[in-house]
Amino acid sequence: MVRQVFETTAEPSSTHEDRWQPRKARPPAILIIPALLVSALTLSPIAYLLLREGLSVQRFLHEISSPTTSNLILHSALLAFSVTFVCAILGIGLALLVVRTDLPYRRVWTVLFALPLGIPAFVSSYTWVAASYQLAPQATFLYGLRGAVLV
């Protein structure tokens, strides 16, 4: 039996460094045009409001510096930080519970803990409000910062 060995003396077409360089090509026009169209349609209501109201820089600064706006920005930031903190504590705690302990039915708990992520926020908030009317009609704990963080 004859064994043939083929040797190549040519250099490889690309070196390791060449293969992992980012491409500098732009996306094709068939993707850019619909993206620009969707962006224009998304921004058109805001542009319409700005043009209709004649919002100038002076009026913009007046609206931003009003006490109502600063109060809304402060409450939004407080809500965002509170929800982030609560979610981080719950997420890390539940992840440690599932991964680091000998929890029975580990896969079931993993799915159950991730299940609320698939429910839209307006559905869950409506459910909380409807449940509070049924269980405690006089309770107003959902109508404030604590309720917003809870929901």
Protein backbone atom coordinates (compact mmCIF):
# COMPACT_ATOMS: atom_id res chain seq x y z
CA MET A 1 0.00 0.00 0.00
CA VAL A 2 1.32 3.39 -0.98
CA ARG A 3 0.73 6.36 1.25
CA GLN A 4 0.77 9.76 -0.35
CA VAL A 5 1.51 12.83 1.70
CA PHE A 6 0.59 16.20 0.32
CA GLU A 7 2.51 19.16 1.56
CA THR A 8 1.53 22.72 1.02
CA THR A 9 4.08 25.43 1.00
CA ALA A 10 1.64 28.28 0.57
CA GLU A 11 1.01 30.63 3.46
CA PRO A 12 -2.40 30.46 5.07
CA SER A 13 -4.80 32.95 3.58
CA SER A 14 -5.29 34.78 6.85
CA THR A 15 -3.49 34.88 10.12
CA HIS A 16 -5.14 34.63 13.50
CA GLU A 17 -4.99 38.40 13.96
CA ASP A 18 -6.59 39.08 10.58
CA ARG A 19 -9.58 36.85 11.25
CA TRP A 20 -10.59 38.62 14.45
CA GLN A 21 -10.41 42.18 13.23
CA PRO A 22 -13.76 43.95 13.22
CA ARG A 23 -15.30 44.48 9.85
CA LYS A 24 -15.39 48.04 8.63
CA ALA A 25 -18.16 47.51 6.13
CA ARG A 26 -21.39 49.47 6.48
CA PRO A 27 -24.71 47.67 6.64
CA PRO A 28 -26.43 47.29 3.30
CA ALA A 29 -28.75 50.03 2.10
CA ILE A 30 -31.66 47.61 2.21
CA LEU A 31 -31.34 47.71 6.03
CA ILE A 32 -30.47 51.39 6.42
CA ILE A 33 -33.51 52.71 4.55
CA PRO A 34 -36.15 50.86 6.66
CA ALA A 35 -34.25 51.76 9.84
CA LEU A 36 -34.33 55.45 8.92
CA LEU A 37 -38.02 55.18 8.04
CA VAL A 38 -38.88 53.57 11.38
CA SER A 39 -36.80 56.18 13.21
CA ALA A 40 -38.57 59.02 11.41
CA LEU A 41 -41.99 57.54 12.16
CA THR A 42 -41.05 57.04 15.80
CA LEU A 43 -39.82 60.60 16.24
CA SER A 44 -42.61 62.25 14.23
CA PRO A 45 -45.07 62.71 17.16
CA ILE A 46 -42.38 64.42 19.23
CA ALA A 47 -41.36 66.60 16.30
CA TYR A 48 -45.01 67.51 15.68
CA LEU A 49 -45.49 68.57 19.30
CA LEU A 50 -42.30 70.61 19.32
CA LEU A 51 -43.22 72.38 16.09
CA ARG A 52 -46.85 72.95 17.06
CA GLU A 53 -46.00 74.40 20.45
CA GLY A 54 -43.13 76.45 19.15
CA LEU A 55 -40.77 75.23 21.82
CA SER A 56 -37.79 77.51 22.03
CA VAL A 57 -34.66 77.12 24.12
CA GLN A 58 -35.93 79.71 26.60
CA ARG A 59 -39.26 77.94 27.03
CA PHE A 60 -37.52 74.57 27.30
CA LEU A 61 -35.28 75.86 30.11
CA HIS A 62 -38.33 77.35 31.85
CA GLU A 63 -40.19 74.03 31.70
CA ILE A 64 -37.19 72.01 32.87
CA SER A 65 -36.48 74.34 35.78
CA SER A 66 -40.08 74.41 37.04
CA PRO A 67 -40.67 72.83 40.47
CA THR A 68 -43.15 70.35 39.02
CA THR A 69 -40.65 68.99 36.51
CA SER A 70 -37.83 68.73 39.02
CA ASN A 71 -40.19 66.93 41.42
CA LEU A 72 -41.18 64.47 38.68
CA ILE A 73 -37.55 63.83 37.75
CA LEU A 74 -36.64 63.28 41.41
CA HIS A 75 -39.52 60.84 41.95
CA SER A 76 -38.70 58.97 38.73
CA ALA A 77 -35.05 58.61 39.74
CA LEU A 78 -36.06 57.47 43.24
CA LEU A 79 -38.44 54.90 41.76
CA ALA A 80 -35.79 53.64 39.32
CA PHE A 81 -33.14 53.26 42.03
CA SER A 82 -35.60 51.62 44.46
CA VAL A 83 -36.82 49.10 41.90
CA THR A 84 -33.26 48.34 40.80
CA PHE A 85 -32.19 47.75 44.41
CA VAL A 86 -35.15 45.50 45.23
CA CYS A 87 -34.75 43.51 41.99
CA ALA A 88 -31.02 43.06 42.57
CA ILE A 89 -31.59 41.79 46.11
CA LEU A 90 -34.37 39.42 45.00
CA GLY A 91 -32.50 38.25 41.90
CA ILE A 92 -29.22 37.58 43.65
CA GLY A 93 -30.95 35.91 46.59
CA LEU A 94 -33.08 33.63 44.42
CA ALA A 95 -30.13 32.82 42.15
CA LEU A 96 -28.02 31.82 45.14
CA LEU A 97 -30.91 29.77 46.48
CA VAL A 98 -31.29 27.83 43.24
CA VAL A 99 -27.62 27.45 42.32
CA ARG A 100 -25.82 27.09 45.65
CA THR A 101 -28.29 25.04 47.70
CA ASP A 102 -29.72 21.57 47.38
CA LEU A 103 -33.18 22.82 46.46
CA PRO A 104 -35.59 20.09 45.34
CA TYR A 105 -37.11 20.59 41.87
CA ARG A 106 -34.39 23.07 40.95
CA ARG A 107 -35.46 23.38 37.30
CA VAL A 108 -39.07 24.02 38.26
CA TRP A 109 -38.01 26.82 40.60
CA THR A 110 -35.80 28.31 37.90
CA VAL A 111 -38.75 28.52 35.52
CA LEU A 112 -41.11 29.82 38.22
CA PHE A 113 -38.67 32.54 39.28
CA ALA A 114 -38.23 33.69 35.67
CA LEU A 115 -41.94 33.51 34.83
CA PRO A 116 -42.84 37.09 35.93
CA LEU A 117 -40.45 38.42 33.29
CA GLY A 118 -42.84 37.17 30.60
CA ILE A 119 -45.86 39.04 31.96
CA PRO A 120 -46.30 42.58 30.60
CA ALA A 121 -46.10 45.34 33.21
CA PHE A 122 -49.57 46.71 32.51
CA VAL A 123 -51.11 43.25 33.02
CA SER A 124 -49.37 42.69 36.34
CA SER A 125 -50.16 46.20 37.59
CA TYR A 126 -53.83 45.82 36.66
CA THR A 127 -53.86 42.47 38.47
CA TRP A 128 -52.39 44.04 41.61
CA VAL A 129 -54.96 46.85 41.60
CA ALA A 130 -57.87 44.48 40.95
CA ALA A 131 -56.68 42.13 43.69
CA SER A 132 -56.32 45.00 46.16
CA TYR A 133 -59.92 46.09 45.46
CA GLN A 134 -61.14 42.55 46.12
CA LEU A 135 -59.02 41.78 49.18
CA ALA A 136 -58.83 45.18 50.87
CA PRO A 137 -61.11 47.83 49.32
CA GLN A 138 -59.95 50.54 51.74
CA ALA A 139 -56.25 49.85 51.28
CA THR A 140 -54.33 52.56 49.47
CA PHE A 141 -50.84 51.07 49.74
CA LEU A 142 -50.58 50.66 45.96
CA TYR A 143 -50.99 54.38 45.28
CA GLY A 144 -47.57 55.69 46.15
CA LEU A 145 -43.88 54.99 45.88
CA ARG A 146 -44.08 51.79 47.96
CA GLY A 147 -46.89 50.47 45.77
CA ALA A 148 -45.03 51.34 42.58
CA VAL A 149 -41.92 49.54 43.82
CA LEU A 150 -44.03 46.55 44.87
CA VAL A 151 -45.82 46.29 41.55
